[in-house]
Amino acid sequence: MFDLATVFEFTRDTVIFTVGITAVLASLGVILCSSPIYCALYLISHMICLALLFLLYNAEFLAAVQIIVYAGAVMILFLFIIALLGGKKEIQENSLERSIAFTFILTLAGELYLSATVGPTQQIEGEISPELFGTAKAIGLELYSKHLIAFELASALLLVAAVGVICLAKFSFAPLKRR
């Protein structure tokens, strides 16, 4: 009656759909939540969902990097910074910037819908075999051969962002008065 491969494929598609919907809901939580601590927690759950999607598509190295580096180290650092600076709840008000942001989000959603309806894309030229997809060797070959300049520009951008965060996070030092 039931073919085992069909049942397995249906189950896999259902899990992928469920994890994808959870990732979208977590990203909406990041955008719509007014508390910075909850936003960071939503972002951690979104990154865990992305790691699960990487695992479901047989990219184990990317899943491990997603969990260890991004969800582990970077987001825990963000949580410590939010706790250090005092995460105050943001008062949300309707403004021009907020309506522009929602317009931007709706435009991105429309583009995502259009790209999903076009159908599957094919590689124009590929040097990496499908067996190596998602491994450290494949990522290294792509990063350090074809995308070296973009990789270096991204690292410079992260350095500038880190310096900017340090400059913005400085708060005035008021010495304690002696009694």
N, C-alpha and C. Protein backbone atom coordinates (compact mmCIF):
# COMPACT_ATOMS: atom_id res chain seq x y z
N MET A 1 0.82 -1.19 0.00
CA MET A 1 0.00 0.00 0.00
C MET A 1 0.86 1.26 0.00
N PHE A 2 1.60 1.47 1.09
CA PHE A 2 2.43 2.66 1.20
C PHE A 2 3.86 2.32 0.85
N ASP A 3 4.42 3.13 -0.01
CA ASP A 3 5.82 2.98 -0.33
C ASP A 3 6.63 3.67 0.76
N LEU A 4 7.65 2.99 1.28
CA LEU A 4 8.43 3.52 2.39
C LEU A 4 9.17 4.80 1.99
N ALA A 5 9.64 4.88 0.76
CA ALA A 5 10.34 6.08 0.30
C ALA A 5 9.39 7.28 0.24
N THR A 6 8.14 7.04 -0.16
CA THR A 6 7.16 8.12 -0.23
C THR A 6 6.82 8.64 1.17
N VAL A 7 6.67 7.73 2.11
CA VAL A 7 6.38 8.12 3.50
C VAL A 7 7.55 8.90 4.08
N PHE A 8 8.78 8.43 3.80
CA PHE A 8 9.96 9.12 4.30
C PHE A 8 10.06 10.52 3.70
N GLU A 9 9.82 10.66 2.41
CA GLU A 9 9.89 11.96 1.76
C GLU A 9 8.81 12.90 2.27
N PHE A 10 7.61 12.39 2.50
CA PHE A 10 6.53 13.22 3.04
C PHE A 10 6.88 13.69 4.45
N THR A 11 7.42 12.79 5.27
CA THR A 11 7.80 13.15 6.63
C THR A 11 8.91 14.19 6.62
N ARG A 12 9.89 14.00 5.74
CA ARG A 12 11.00 14.95 5.63
C ARG A 12 10.49 16.32 5.19
N ASP A 13 9.61 16.36 4.21
CA ASP A 13 9.04 17.63 3.75
C ASP A 13 8.23 18.30 4.85
N THR A 14 7.50 17.51 5.63
CA THR A 14 6.72 18.07 6.74
C THR A 14 7.63 18.68 7.80
N VAL A 15 8.73 18.00 8.12
CA VAL A 15 9.66 18.52 9.12
C VAL A 15 10.32 19.80 8.60
N ILE A 16 10.73 19.81 7.32
CA ILE A 16 11.34 20.99 6.74
C ILE A 16 10.36 22.16 6.77
N PHE A 17 9.10 21.91 6.42
CA PHE A 17 8.08 22.97 6.44
C PHE A 17 7.87 23.49 7.85
N THR A 18 7.80 22.59 8.83
CA THR A 18 7.57 22.99 10.22
C THR A 18 8.74 23.82 10.75
N VAL A 19 9.95 23.37 10.49
CA VAL A 19 11.12 24.13 10.96
C VAL A 19 11.21 25.47 10.24
N GLY A 20 10.87 25.51 8.96
CA GLY A 20 10.88 26.77 8.22
C GLY A 20 9.86 27.76 8.76
N ILE A 21 8.65 27.28 9.04
CA ILE A 21 7.62 28.17 9.61
C ILE A 21 8.06 28.67 10.99
N THR A 22 8.69 27.80 11.78
CA THR A 22 9.18 28.22 13.09
C THR A 22 10.27 29.28 12.95
N ALA A 23 11.13 29.13 11.95
CA ALA A 23 12.17 30.13 11.72
C ALA A 23 11.56 31.47 11.33
N VAL A 24 10.53 31.45 10.49
CA VAL A 24 9.87 32.69 10.08
C VAL A 24 9.18 33.34 11.28
N LEU A 25 8.50 32.54 12.12
CA LEU A 25 7.84 33.10 13.30
C LEU A 25 8.85 33.68 14.29
N ALA A 26 10.00 33.01 14.45
CA ALA A 26 11.03 33.53 15.34
C ALA A 26 11.61 34.83 14.81
N SER A 27 11.78 34.93 13.48
CA SER A 27 12.28 36.19 12.92
C SER A 27 11.26 37.31 13.07
N LEU A 28 9.98 36.99 12.96
CA LEU A 28 8.95 38.00 13.23
C LEU A 28 8.97 38.42 14.69
N GLY A 29 9.27 37.49 15.59
CA GLY A 29 9.42 37.83 17.00
C GLY A 29 10.56 38.80 17.23
N VAL A 30 11.66 38.63 16.48
CA VAL A 30 12.79 39.55 16.60
C VAL A 30 12.37 40.95 16.18
N ILE A 31 11.61 41.05 15.12
CA ILE A 31 11.23 42.36 14.58
C ILE A 31 10.17 43.03 15.43
N LEU A 32 9.19 42.27 15.89
CA LEU A 32 8.02 42.87 16.53
C LEU A 32 8.11 43.00 18.04
N CYS A 33 9.03 42.30 18.68
CA CYS A 33 9.13 42.33 20.14
C CYS A 33 9.78 43.64 20.58
N SER A 34 9.32 44.19 21.69
CA SER A 34 9.85 45.47 22.15
C SER A 34 10.93 45.32 23.22
N SER A 35 11.09 44.15 23.79
CA SER A 35 12.11 43.92 24.79
C SER A 35 13.38 43.38 24.13
N PRO A 36 14.54 44.01 24.36
CA PRO A 36 15.77 43.55 23.69
C PRO A 36 16.19 42.15 24.11
N ILE A 37 15.93 41.76 25.34
CA ILE A 37 16.29 40.41 25.79
C ILE A 37 15.47 39.38 25.02
N TYR A 38 14.18 39.60 24.90
CA TYR A 38 13.34 38.67 24.15
C TYR A 38 13.69 38.66 22.67
N CYS A 39 14.08 39.82 22.13
CA CYS A 39 14.52 39.86 20.73
C CYS A 39 15.75 38.98 20.52
N ALA A 40 16.70 39.06 21.44
CA ALA A 40 17.90 38.23 21.33
C ALA A 40 17.56 36.75 21.47
N LEU A 41 16.64 36.41 22.35
CA LEU A 41 16.23 35.01 22.51
C LEU A 41 15.50 34.50 21.26
N TYR A 42 14.67 35.35 20.67
CA TYR A 42 14.03 34.98 19.41
C TYR A 42 15.07 34.76 18.31
N LEU A 43 16.10 35.60 18.30
CA LEU A 43 17.15 35.46 17.30
C LEU A 43 17.93 34.16 17.50
N ILE A 44 18.17 33.79 18.74
CA ILE A 44 18.84 32.50 19.02
C ILE A 44 17.97 31.35 18.52
N SER A 45 16.67 31.41 18.77
CA SER A 45 15.80 30.32 18.29
C SER A 45 15.75 30.30 16.76
N HIS A 46 15.81 31.46 16.12
CA HIS A 46 15.85 31.51 14.66
C HIS A 46 17.14 30.86 14.14
N MET A 47 18.25 31.13 14.79
CA MET A 47 19.52 30.54 14.35
C MET A 47 19.54 29.03 14.56
N ILE A 48 18.89 28.56 15.61
CA ILE A 48 18.80 27.11 15.82
C ILE A 48 17.94 26.48 14.73
N CYS A 49 16.87 27.15 14.33
CA CYS A 49 16.05 26.64 13.22
C CYS A 49 16.84 26.60 11.92
N LEU A 50 17.68 27.62 11.68
CA LEU A 50 18.52 27.60 10.49
C LEU A 50 19.50 26.44 10.53
N ALA A 51 20.06 26.17 11.70
CA ALA A 51 20.98 25.03 11.82
C ALA A 51 20.25 23.72 11.55
N LEU A 52 19.01 23.61 12.00
CA LEU A 52 18.23 22.40 11.71
C LEU A 52 17.96 22.27 10.21
N LEU A 53 17.68 23.38 9.56
CA LEU A 53 17.49 23.33 8.10
C LEU A 53 18.77 22.92 7.39
N PHE A 54 19.93 23.42 7.86
CA PHE A 54 21.19 22.99 7.28
C PHE A 54 21.38 21.49 7.45
N LEU A 55 21.02 20.98 8.62
CA LEU A 55 21.14 19.53 8.85
C LEU A 55 20.22 18.74 7.94
N LEU A 56 19.01 19.23 7.75
CA LEU A 56 18.07 18.52 6.89
C LEU A 56 18.50 18.53 5.43
N TYR A 57 19.32 19.50 5.04
CA TYR A 57 19.82 19.54 3.67
C TYR A 57 21.26 19.03 3.57
N ASN A 58 21.69 18.23 4.54
CA ASN A 58 22.99 17.54 4.55
C ASN A 58 24.18 18.49 4.52
N ALA A 59 24.09 19.61 5.19
CA ALA A 59 25.21 20.54 5.33
C ALA A 59 25.60 20.57 6.80
N GLU A 60 26.25 19.51 7.25
CA GLU A 60 26.55 19.35 8.66
C GLU A 60 27.53 20.39 9.18
N PHE A 61 28.53 20.73 8.37
CA PHE A 61 29.51 21.72 8.81
C PHE A 61 28.86 23.08 9.03
N LEU A 62 28.01 23.48 8.11
CA LEU A 62 27.32 24.76 8.26
C LEU A 62 26.42 24.76 9.49
N ALA A 63 25.78 23.64 9.78
CA ALA A 63 24.93 23.55 10.98
C ALA A 63 25.77 23.70 12.24
N ALA A 64 26.93 23.04 12.25
CA ALA A 64 27.79 23.13 13.43
C ALA A 64 28.31 24.55 13.62
N VAL A 65 28.70 25.20 12.54
CA VAL A 65 29.18 26.58 12.63
C VAL A 65 28.05 27.50 13.08
N GLN A 66 26.86 27.27 12.57
CA GLN A 66 25.70 28.09 12.95
C GLN A 66 25.44 28.00 14.45
N ILE A 67 25.50 26.80 15.00
CA ILE A 67 25.24 26.63 16.43
C ILE A 67 26.40 27.14 17.27
N ILE A 68 27.62 26.74 16.93
CA ILE A 68 28.77 27.08 17.78
C ILE A 68 29.10 28.56 17.72
N VAL A 69 29.22 29.10 16.51
CA VAL A 69 29.68 30.47 16.37
C VAL A 69 28.55 31.47 16.58
N TYR A 70 27.48 31.32 15.81
CA TYR A 70 26.45 32.36 15.84
C TYR A 70 25.52 32.21 17.04
N ALA A 71 24.85 31.08 17.17
CA ALA A 71 23.91 30.93 18.29
C ALA A 71 24.64 30.83 19.61
N GLY A 72 25.83 30.25 19.60
CA GLY A 72 26.58 30.11 20.84
C GLY A 72 27.32 31.36 21.23
N ALA A 73 28.37 31.68 20.50
CA ALA A 73 29.27 32.75 20.92
C ALA A 73 28.70 34.15 20.69
N VAL A 74 28.28 34.44 19.48
CA VAL A 74 27.85 35.80 19.16
C VAL A 74 26.60 36.20 19.92
N MET A 75 25.61 35.34 19.96
CA MET A 75 24.36 35.72 20.62
C MET A 75 24.50 35.76 22.14
N ILE A 76 25.34 34.92 22.71
CA ILE A 76 25.59 35.02 24.15
C ILE A 76 26.31 36.33 24.46
N LEU A 77 27.22 36.74 23.57
CA LEU A 77 27.86 38.05 23.73
C LEU A 77 26.82 39.17 23.65
N PHE A 78 25.89 39.07 22.70
CA PHE A 78 24.83 40.08 22.61
C PHE A 78 23.99 40.11 23.89
N LEU A 79 23.66 38.95 24.42
CA LEU A 79 22.89 38.92 25.67
C LEU A 79 23.64 39.57 26.82
N PHE A 80 24.96 39.32 26.91
CA PHE A 80 25.75 39.96 27.96
C PHE A 80 25.79 41.47 27.77
N ILE A 81 25.90 41.93 26.53
CA ILE A 81 25.93 43.38 26.29
C ILE A 81 24.58 44.00 26.63
N ILE A 82 23.50 43.34 26.28
CA ILE A 82 22.17 43.86 26.62
C ILE A 82 21.99 43.91 28.13
N ALA A 83 22.46 42.87 28.82
CA ALA A 83 22.35 42.86 30.28
C ALA A 83 23.24 43.93 30.91
N LEU A 84 24.41 44.17 30.32
CA LEU A 84 25.32 45.18 30.85
C LEU A 84 24.77 46.59 30.66
N LEU A 85 24.22 46.85 29.49
CA LEU A 85 23.71 48.19 29.20
C LEU A 85 22.30 48.41 29.73
N GLY A 86 21.65 47.37 30.18
CA GLY A 86 20.30 47.50 30.71
C GLY A 86 19.28 47.54 29.59
N GLY A 87 18.72 46.41 29.28
CA GLY A 87 17.75 46.33 28.20
C GLY A 87 16.42 46.89 28.63
N LYS A 88 16.12 48.09 28.18
CA LYS A 88 14.85 48.71 28.51
C LYS A 88 13.85 48.40 27.41
N LYS A 89 12.61 48.27 27.81
CA LYS A 89 11.55 48.01 26.85
C LYS A 89 11.33 49.24 25.99
N GLU A 90 11.24 49.00 24.70
CA GLU A 90 11.08 50.10 23.76
C GLU A 90 9.61 50.46 23.63
N ILE A 91 9.34 51.75 23.63
CA ILE A 91 7.97 52.21 23.42
C ILE A 91 7.76 52.32 21.92
N GLN A 92 6.80 51.56 21.42
CA GLN A 92 6.58 51.54 19.98
C GLN A 92 5.52 52.58 19.63
N GLU A 93 5.87 53.41 18.69
CA GLU A 93 4.95 54.44 18.24
C GLU A 93 4.90 54.41 16.71
N ASN A 94 3.81 54.84 16.18
CA ASN A 94 3.68 54.90 14.73
C ASN A 94 4.44 56.12 14.22
N SER A 95 5.33 55.88 13.28
CA SER A 95 6.11 56.97 12.71
C SER A 95 6.39 56.66 11.25
N LEU A 96 7.02 57.60 10.60
CA LEU A 96 7.37 57.43 9.19
C LEU A 96 8.38 56.30 9.02
N GLU A 97 9.35 56.23 9.94
CA GLU A 97 10.37 55.18 9.84
C GLU A 97 9.75 53.79 9.99
N ARG A 98 8.79 53.67 10.87
CA ARG A 98 8.14 52.38 11.09
C ARG A 98 7.34 51.96 9.85
N SER A 99 6.65 52.91 9.22
CA SER A 99 5.90 52.56 8.01
C SER A 99 6.84 52.23 6.86
N ILE A 100 7.98 52.90 6.78
CA ILE A 100 8.97 52.57 5.76
C ILE A 100 9.52 51.18 5.99
N ALA A 101 9.75 50.83 7.26
CA ALA A 101 10.26 49.49 7.58
C ALA A 101 9.25 48.41 7.19
N PHE A 102 7.97 48.64 7.49
CA PHE A 102 6.95 47.65 7.11
C PHE A 102 6.82 47.54 5.59
N THR A 103 6.95 48.66 4.89
CA THR A 103 6.92 48.63 3.43
C THR A 103 8.10 47.82 2.89
N PHE A 104 9.26 48.00 3.49
CA PHE A 104 10.44 47.24 3.09
C PHE A 104 10.24 45.75 3.33
N ILE A 105 9.66 45.41 4.48
CA ILE A 105 9.42 44.00 4.80
C ILE A 105 8.42 43.40 3.82
N LEU A 106 7.36 44.12 3.51
CA LEU A 106 6.38 43.62 2.54
C LEU A 106 6.99 43.47 1.15
N THR A 107 7.87 44.39 0.77
CA THR A 107 8.56 44.27 -0.52
C THR A 107 9.43 43.03 -0.56
N LEU A 108 10.17 42.77 0.54
CA LEU A 108 11.00 41.57 0.61
C LEU A 108 10.14 40.30 0.57
N ALA A 109 8.99 40.33 1.24
CA ALA A 109 8.10 39.17 1.20
C ALA A 109 7.57 38.95 -0.21
N GLY A 110 7.25 40.02 -0.92
CA GLY A 110 6.81 39.89 -2.31
C GLY A 110 7.90 39.32 -3.20
N GLU A 111 9.15 39.77 -3.00
CA GLU A 111 10.26 39.22 -3.77
C GLU A 111 10.48 37.75 -3.45
N LEU A 112 10.31 37.38 -2.18
CA LEU A 112 10.45 35.98 -1.80
C LEU A 112 9.37 35.14 -2.46
N TYR A 113 8.15 35.67 -2.50
CA TYR A 113 7.06 34.95 -3.17
C TYR A 113 7.35 34.78 -4.66
N LEU A 114 7.83 35.84 -5.29
CA LEU A 114 8.14 35.76 -6.72
C LEU A 114 9.27 34.77 -6.99
N SER A 115 10.28 34.77 -6.14
CA SER A 115 11.38 33.82 -6.36
C SER A 115 10.95 32.39 -6.09
N ALA A 116 9.99 32.20 -5.21
CA ALA A 116 9.50 30.84 -4.94
C ALA A 116 8.63 30.33 -6.07
N THR A 117 7.93 31.22 -6.77
CA THR A 117 7.05 30.77 -7.84
C THR A 117 7.79 30.56 -9.16
N VAL A 118 9.01 31.06 -9.28
CA VAL A 118 9.77 30.89 -10.52
C VAL A 118 10.14 29.42 -10.72
N GLY A 119 10.46 28.73 -9.66
CA GLY A 119 10.82 27.32 -9.76
C GLY A 119 12.26 27.12 -9.38
N PRO A 120 12.71 25.88 -9.46
CA PRO A 120 14.09 25.59 -9.03
C PRO A 120 15.11 26.19 -10.00
N THR A 121 16.21 26.62 -9.42
CA THR A 121 17.29 27.16 -10.23
C THR A 121 18.36 26.10 -10.42
N GLN A 122 19.17 26.26 -11.44
CA GLN A 122 20.25 25.32 -11.71
C GLN A 122 21.57 26.07 -11.68
N GLN A 123 22.61 25.35 -11.34
CA GLN A 123 23.93 25.94 -11.32
C GLN A 123 24.37 26.26 -12.74
N ILE A 124 24.98 27.42 -12.93
CA ILE A 124 25.49 27.77 -14.24
C ILE A 124 26.78 27.00 -14.49
N GLU A 125 27.70 27.10 -13.56
CA GLU A 125 28.91 26.31 -13.65
C GLU A 125 29.29 25.90 -12.24
N GLY A 126 29.68 24.68 -12.05
CA GLY A 126 30.01 24.21 -10.72
C GLY A 126 31.25 23.34 -10.75
N GLU A 127 32.14 23.62 -9.79
CA GLU A 127 33.35 22.82 -9.70
C GLU A 127 33.29 21.86 -8.53
N ILE A 128 32.36 22.09 -7.61
CA ILE A 128 32.28 21.27 -6.41
C ILE A 128 31.26 20.17 -6.64
N SER A 129 31.66 18.97 -6.35
CA SER A 129 30.76 17.84 -6.56
C SER A 129 29.68 17.85 -5.48
N PRO A 130 28.53 17.26 -5.76
CA PRO A 130 27.44 17.25 -4.77
C PRO A 130 27.81 16.52 -3.48
N GLU A 131 28.78 15.61 -3.54
CA GLU A 131 29.17 14.89 -2.32
C GLU A 131 29.88 15.81 -1.33
N LEU A 132 30.54 16.86 -1.84
CA LEU A 132 31.28 17.77 -0.98
C LEU A 132 30.44 18.94 -0.46
N PHE A 133 29.21 19.05 -0.91
CA PHE A 133 28.38 20.20 -0.56
C PHE A 133 28.20 20.30 0.95
N GLY A 134 28.50 21.47 1.50
CA GLY A 134 28.32 21.72 2.93
C GLY A 134 29.49 21.32 3.78
N THR A 135 30.54 20.76 3.18
CA THR A 135 31.71 20.36 3.97
C THR A 135 32.66 21.55 4.11
N ALA A 136 33.63 21.38 5.01
CA ALA A 136 34.60 22.45 5.24
C ALA A 136 35.46 22.68 4.00
N LYS A 137 35.77 21.62 3.27
CA LYS A 137 36.59 21.75 2.06
C LYS A 137 35.87 22.56 1.00
N ALA A 138 34.59 22.29 0.79
CA ALA A 138 33.83 23.02 -0.22
C ALA A 138 33.70 24.50 0.14
N ILE A 139 33.45 24.77 1.41
CA ILE A 139 33.32 26.17 1.85
C ILE A 139 34.65 26.90 1.72
N GLY A 140 35.74 26.23 2.08
CA GLY A 140 37.06 26.84 1.94
C GLY A 140 37.41 27.12 0.50
N LEU A 141 37.11 26.17 -0.38
CA LEU A 141 37.39 26.38 -1.80
C LEU A 141 36.61 27.57 -2.35
N GLU A 142 35.34 27.67 -1.99
CA GLU A 142 34.53 28.79 -2.48
C GLU A 142 34.99 30.12 -1.89
N LEU A 143 35.22 30.15 -0.57
CA LEU A 143 35.56 31.42 0.08
C LEU A 143 36.91 31.95 -0.37
N TYR A 144 37.92 31.08 -0.42
CA TYR A 144 39.27 31.56 -0.66
C TYR A 144 39.69 31.51 -2.11
N SER A 145 38.78 31.13 -3.01
CA SER A 145 39.14 31.19 -4.42
C SER A 145 38.25 32.20 -5.14
N LYS A 146 36.95 31.97 -5.16
CA LYS A 146 36.05 32.84 -5.92
C LYS A 146 35.62 34.08 -5.16
N HIS A 147 35.52 33.99 -3.84
CA HIS A 147 34.91 35.07 -3.06
C HIS A 147 35.88 35.66 -2.04
N LEU A 148 37.16 35.75 -2.37
CA LEU A 148 38.15 36.24 -1.42
C LEU A 148 37.95 37.72 -1.08
N ILE A 149 37.67 38.53 -2.09
CA ILE A 149 37.50 39.97 -1.84
C ILE A 149 36.25 40.23 -1.01
N ALA A 150 35.16 39.54 -1.31
CA ALA A 150 33.93 39.70 -0.53
C ALA A 150 34.14 39.24 0.91
N PHE A 151 34.91 38.17 1.10
CA PHE A 151 35.21 37.67 2.43
C PHE A 151 36.00 38.70 3.23
N GLU A 152 37.00 39.30 2.60
CA GLU A 152 37.81 40.31 3.29
C GLU A 152 37.00 41.58 3.57
N LEU A 153 36.14 41.97 2.64
CA LEU A 153 35.30 43.14 2.88
C LEU A 153 34.32 42.89 4.02
N ALA A 154 33.79 41.68 4.11
CA ALA A 154 32.89 41.35 5.21
C ALA A 154 33.62 41.39 6.55
N SER A 155 34.86 40.91 6.58
CA SER A 155 35.61 40.97 7.84
C SER A 155 35.93 42.41 8.23
N ALA A 156 36.23 43.28 7.24
CA ALA A 156 36.46 44.70 7.54
C ALA A 156 35.18 45.35 8.05
N LEU A 157 34.04 44.99 7.46
CA LEU A 157 32.76 45.52 7.91
C LEU A 157 32.45 45.10 9.35
N LEU A 158 32.76 43.86 9.69
CA LEU A 158 32.55 43.40 11.07
C LEU A 158 33.47 44.13 12.04
N LEU A 159 34.70 44.42 11.62
CA LEU A 159 35.62 45.16 12.47
C LEU A 159 35.10 46.58 12.72
N VAL A 160 34.62 47.25 11.67
CA VAL A 160 34.07 48.59 11.82
C VAL A 160 32.83 48.56 12.71
N ALA A 161 31.99 47.54 12.56
CA ALA A 161 30.79 47.42 13.40
C ALA A 161 31.17 47.22 14.86
N ALA A 162 32.21 46.41 15.13
CA ALA A 162 32.64 46.20 16.51
C ALA A 162 33.17 47.49 17.13
N VAL A 163 33.94 48.25 16.38
CA VAL A 163 34.45 49.53 16.89
C VAL A 163 33.29 50.50 17.12
N GLY A 164 32.31 50.50 16.21
CA GLY A 164 31.14 51.36 16.38
C GLY A 164 30.33 51.01 17.62
N VAL A 165 30.18 49.71 17.89
CA VAL A 165 29.44 49.29 19.09
C VAL A 165 30.18 49.73 20.33
N ILE A 166 31.49 49.62 20.33
CA ILE A 166 32.26 50.04 21.50
C ILE A 166 32.11 51.54 21.72
N CYS A 167 32.17 52.31 20.64
CA CYS A 167 32.02 53.77 20.77
C CYS A 167 30.61 54.16 21.23
N LEU A 168 29.60 53.47 20.73
CA LEU A 168 28.23 53.79 21.12
C LEU A 168 27.89 53.32 22.52
N ALA A 169 28.53 52.26 22.97
CA ALA A 169 28.20 51.68 24.27
C ALA A 169 28.88 52.40 25.42
N LYS A 170 29.83 53.27 25.13
CA LYS A 170 30.50 54.00 26.20
C LYS A 170 29.48 54.87 26.94
N PHE A 171 29.51 54.81 28.21
CA PHE A 171 28.66 55.70 28.98
C PHE A 171 29.54 56.50 29.92
N SER A 172 29.05 57.63 30.33
CA SER A 172 29.88 58.54 31.12
C SER A 172 30.19 57.92 32.47
N PHE A 173 31.39 58.18 32.91
CA PHE A 173 31.85 57.67 34.19
C PHE A 173 31.70 58.77 35.22
N ALA A 174 30.88 58.53 36.20
CA ALA A 174 30.70 59.51 37.28
C ALA A 174 31.30 58.91 38.55
N PRO A 175 32.39 59.50 39.03
CA PRO A 175 33.02 58.94 40.24
C PRO A 175 32.11 59.08 41.46
N LEU A 176 32.23 58.15 42.36
CA LEU A 176 31.43 58.18 43.58
C LEU A 176 31.96 59.26 44.52
N LYS A 177 31.05 59.94 45.17
CA LYS A 177 31.46 60.97 46.14
C LYS A 177 31.82 60.29 47.45
N ARG A 178 32.85 60.78 48.05
CA ARG A 178 33.26 60.23 49.35
C ARG A 178 32.42 60.87 50.43
N ARG A 179 32.16 60.06 51.44
CA ARG A 179 31.36 60.57 52.56
C ARG A 179 32.21 61.13 53.64
